[in-house]
Amino acid sequence: MRIFNCFFENYRNTEIKIITNEEKDKFEPLVEPLFFFILTWSIGCTIDYDSRIKFNAFLRKMMADNNASI
């Protein structure tokens, strides 16, 4: 979640910077790929080799199924 929060930091309104609708529109398509990247690194680093193979297959299926429904 820390990686996710770091990425969101550029898209938070502050006293100095107000996020425009154009910036929000550019951000939205990045959320899902970023989520899978973060999930891969956070879970993948904690499991052994055999589990990584299973996790890889699971994530690839999940991403393929998700892209098919869009």
N, C-alpha and C. Protein backbone atom coordinates (compact mmCIF):
# COMPACT_ATOMS: atom_id res chain seq x y z
N MET A 1 0.82 -1.19 0.00
CA MET A 1 0.00 0.00 0.00
C MET A 1 0.86 1.25 0.00
N ARG A 2 2.07 1.15 0.52
CA ARG A 2 2.94 2.33 0.52
C ARG A 2 3.29 2.75 -0.90
N ILE A 3 3.56 1.77 -1.76
CA ILE A 3 3.85 2.10 -3.16
C ILE A 3 2.64 2.77 -3.78
N PHE A 4 1.47 2.24 -3.52
CA PHE A 4 0.23 2.79 -4.05
C PHE A 4 0.04 4.23 -3.56
N ASN A 5 0.24 4.44 -2.28
CA ASN A 5 0.10 5.79 -1.72
C ASN A 5 1.11 6.77 -2.31
N CYS A 6 2.32 6.32 -2.54
CA CYS A 6 3.33 7.19 -3.15
C CYS A 6 2.89 7.64 -4.53
N PHE A 7 2.30 6.74 -5.29
CA PHE A 7 1.84 7.08 -6.63
C PHE A 7 0.68 8.08 -6.57
N PHE A 8 -0.20 7.91 -5.62
CA PHE A 8 -1.36 8.80 -5.49
C PHE A 8 -0.98 10.21 -5.04
N GLU A 9 0.17 10.34 -4.45
CA GLU A 9 0.57 11.64 -3.91
C GLU A 9 0.53 12.75 -4.97
N ASN A 10 0.86 12.43 -6.20
CA ASN A 10 0.83 13.43 -7.28
C ASN A 10 -0.59 13.81 -7.69
N TYR A 11 -1.57 13.06 -7.22
CA TYR A 11 -2.96 13.30 -7.63
C TYR A 11 -3.83 13.74 -6.45
N ARG A 12 -3.23 14.34 -5.46
CA ARG A 12 -3.98 14.88 -4.31
C ARG A 12 -3.99 16.39 -4.38
N ASN A 13 -5.14 16.95 -4.13
CA ASN A 13 -5.23 18.41 -4.06
C ASN A 13 -4.49 18.92 -2.83
N THR A 14 -3.78 20.00 -3.02
CA THR A 14 -3.10 20.66 -1.91
C THR A 14 -3.41 22.15 -1.98
N GLU A 15 -2.88 22.89 -1.05
CA GLU A 15 -3.06 24.35 -1.09
C GLU A 15 -2.37 24.95 -2.30
N ILE A 16 -1.34 24.29 -2.76
CA ILE A 16 -0.54 24.81 -3.87
C ILE A 16 -1.04 24.30 -5.22
N LYS A 17 -1.50 23.07 -5.25
CA LYS A 17 -1.88 22.45 -6.53
C LYS A 17 -3.29 21.87 -6.46
N ILE A 18 -4.09 22.22 -7.45
CA ILE A 18 -5.43 21.65 -7.61
C ILE A 18 -5.39 20.71 -8.82
N ILE A 19 -5.85 19.50 -8.63
CA ILE A 19 -5.84 18.51 -9.70
C ILE A 19 -6.96 18.83 -10.69
N THR A 20 -6.60 18.90 -11.95
CA THR A 20 -7.59 19.20 -12.99
C THR A 20 -8.30 17.93 -13.44
N ASN A 21 -9.43 18.10 -14.12
CA ASN A 21 -10.15 16.95 -14.67
C ASN A 21 -9.30 16.22 -15.71
N GLU A 22 -8.49 16.97 -16.44
CA GLU A 22 -7.62 16.37 -17.44
C GLU A 22 -6.59 15.44 -16.78
N GLU A 23 -6.04 15.88 -15.66
CA GLU A 23 -5.10 15.04 -14.92
C GLU A 23 -5.78 13.80 -14.36
N LYS A 24 -7.01 13.96 -13.88
CA LYS A 24 -7.77 12.81 -13.38
C LYS A 24 -8.05 11.81 -14.49
N ASP A 25 -8.36 12.30 -15.68
CA ASP A 25 -8.63 11.42 -16.81
C ASP A 25 -7.39 10.63 -17.22
N LYS A 26 -6.22 11.24 -17.10
CA LYS A 26 -4.97 10.54 -17.42
C LYS A 26 -4.64 9.50 -16.36
N PHE A 27 -5.04 9.75 -15.14
CA PHE A 27 -4.72 8.88 -14.02
C PHE A 27 -5.54 7.58 -14.01
N GLU A 28 -6.79 7.68 -14.34
CA GLU A 28 -7.71 6.55 -14.22
C GLU A 28 -7.23 5.27 -14.91
N PRO A 29 -6.74 5.33 -16.16
CA PRO A 29 -6.29 4.09 -16.80
C PRO A 29 -5.03 3.49 -16.18
N LEU A 30 -4.35 4.23 -15.33
CA LEU A 30 -3.12 3.74 -14.71
C LEU A 30 -3.36 2.95 -13.43
N VAL A 31 -4.54 3.07 -12.85
CA VAL A 31 -4.80 2.47 -11.54
C VAL A 31 -4.72 0.95 -11.60
N GLU A 32 -5.39 0.33 -12.53
CA GLU A 32 -5.41 -1.13 -12.58
C GLU A 32 -4.03 -1.73 -12.86
N PRO A 33 -3.30 -1.26 -13.88
CA PRO A 33 -1.95 -1.81 -14.07
C PRO A 33 -1.05 -1.59 -12.86
N LEU A 34 -1.18 -0.45 -12.22
CA LEU A 34 -0.39 -0.17 -11.03
C LEU A 34 -0.75 -1.14 -9.91
N PHE A 35 -2.02 -1.42 -9.76
CA PHE A 35 -2.46 -2.38 -8.73
C PHE A 35 -1.81 -3.74 -8.96
N PHE A 36 -1.82 -4.24 -10.19
CA PHE A 36 -1.23 -5.55 -10.47
C PHE A 36 0.28 -5.54 -10.25
N PHE A 37 0.94 -4.44 -10.60
CA PHE A 37 2.37 -4.31 -10.35
C PHE A 37 2.66 -4.39 -8.85
N ILE A 38 1.92 -3.65 -8.07
CA ILE A 38 2.12 -3.63 -6.63
C ILE A 38 1.78 -4.98 -6.01
N LEU A 39 0.71 -5.59 -6.46
CA LEU A 39 0.33 -6.91 -5.96
C LEU A 39 1.43 -7.93 -6.24
N THR A 40 1.98 -7.88 -7.45
CA THR A 40 3.04 -8.81 -7.82
C THR A 40 4.25 -8.68 -6.91
N TRP A 41 4.69 -7.47 -6.67
CA TRP A 41 5.87 -7.25 -5.85
C TRP A 41 5.60 -7.51 -4.37
N SER A 42 4.43 -7.18 -3.89
CA SER A 42 4.18 -7.36 -2.46
C SER A 42 3.95 -8.83 -2.10
N ILE A 43 3.22 -9.56 -2.90
CA ILE A 43 2.97 -10.97 -2.62
C ILE A 43 4.11 -11.83 -3.15
N GLY A 44 4.57 -11.51 -4.36
CA GLY A 44 5.60 -12.32 -5.01
C GLY A 44 6.89 -12.42 -4.22
N CYS A 45 7.23 -11.39 -3.47
CA CYS A 45 8.49 -11.42 -2.73
C CYS A 45 8.40 -12.26 -1.47
N THR A 46 7.21 -12.65 -1.07
CA THR A 46 7.05 -13.39 0.18
C THR A 46 6.83 -14.89 -0.02
N ILE A 47 6.76 -15.36 -1.25
CA ILE A 47 6.44 -16.77 -1.49
C ILE A 47 7.63 -17.49 -2.14
N ASP A 48 7.62 -18.81 -2.06
CA ASP A 48 8.72 -19.59 -2.62
C ASP A 48 8.54 -19.80 -4.13
N TYR A 49 9.50 -20.45 -4.75
CA TYR A 49 9.53 -20.59 -6.20
C TYR A 49 8.28 -21.30 -6.73
N ASP A 50 7.91 -22.41 -6.15
CA ASP A 50 6.74 -23.17 -6.63
C ASP A 50 5.46 -22.32 -6.53
N SER A 51 5.34 -21.60 -5.44
CA SER A 51 4.16 -20.75 -5.26
C SER A 51 4.17 -19.58 -6.25
N ARG A 52 5.35 -19.08 -6.60
CA ARG A 52 5.44 -17.98 -7.58
C ARG A 52 4.92 -18.41 -8.94
N ILE A 53 5.19 -19.65 -9.31
CA ILE A 53 4.68 -20.16 -10.59
C ILE A 53 3.15 -20.19 -10.57
N LYS A 54 2.57 -20.67 -9.48
CA LYS A 54 1.11 -20.71 -9.34
C LYS A 54 0.53 -19.29 -9.29
N PHE A 55 1.19 -18.41 -8.55
CA PHE A 55 0.74 -17.03 -8.43
C PHE A 55 0.80 -16.33 -9.79
N ASN A 56 1.85 -16.58 -10.54
CA ASN A 56 1.99 -16.01 -11.88
C ASN A 56 0.82 -16.45 -12.78
N ALA A 57 0.53 -17.74 -12.77
CA ALA A 57 -0.58 -18.25 -13.59
C ALA A 57 -1.91 -17.65 -13.15
N PHE A 58 -2.11 -17.56 -11.85
CA PHE A 58 -3.34 -16.98 -11.32
C PHE A 58 -3.50 -15.52 -11.75
N LEU A 59 -2.44 -14.71 -11.59
CA LEU A 59 -2.53 -13.30 -11.95
C LEU A 59 -2.74 -13.10 -13.45
N ARG A 60 -2.04 -13.88 -14.26
CA ARG A 60 -2.21 -13.75 -15.71
C ARG A 60 -3.65 -14.08 -16.12
N LYS A 61 -4.23 -15.11 -15.49
CA LYS A 61 -5.63 -15.45 -15.79
C LYS A 61 -6.55 -14.33 -15.34
N MET A 62 -6.30 -13.79 -14.14
CA MET A 62 -7.12 -12.71 -13.63
C MET A 62 -7.06 -11.49 -14.55
N MET A 63 -5.87 -11.15 -15.01
CA MET A 63 -5.72 -9.99 -15.89
C MET A 63 -6.39 -10.24 -17.25
N ALA A 64 -6.25 -11.45 -17.78
CA ALA A 64 -6.87 -11.79 -19.06
C ALA A 64 -8.40 -11.76 -18.94
N ASP A 65 -8.93 -12.31 -17.85
CA ASP A 65 -10.37 -12.31 -17.64
C ASP A 65 -10.90 -10.89 -17.48
N ASN A 66 -10.15 -10.07 -16.79
CA ASN A 66 -10.56 -8.69 -16.55
C ASN A 66 -10.54 -7.90 -17.86
N ASN A 67 -9.53 -8.10 -18.68
CA ASN A 67 -9.46 -7.39 -19.96
C ASN A 67 -10.56 -7.85 -20.91
N ALA A 68 -10.97 -9.10 -20.81
CA ALA A 68 -12.02 -9.62 -21.68
C ALA A 68 -13.37 -8.99 -21.33
N SER A 69 -13.56 -8.63 -20.06
CA SER A 69 -14.84 -8.07 -19.65
C SER A 69 -14.96 -6.58 -19.91
N ILE A 70 -13.86 -5.95 -20.27
CA ILE A 70 -13.89 -4.50 -20.49
C ILE A 70 -14.42 -4.16 -21.87
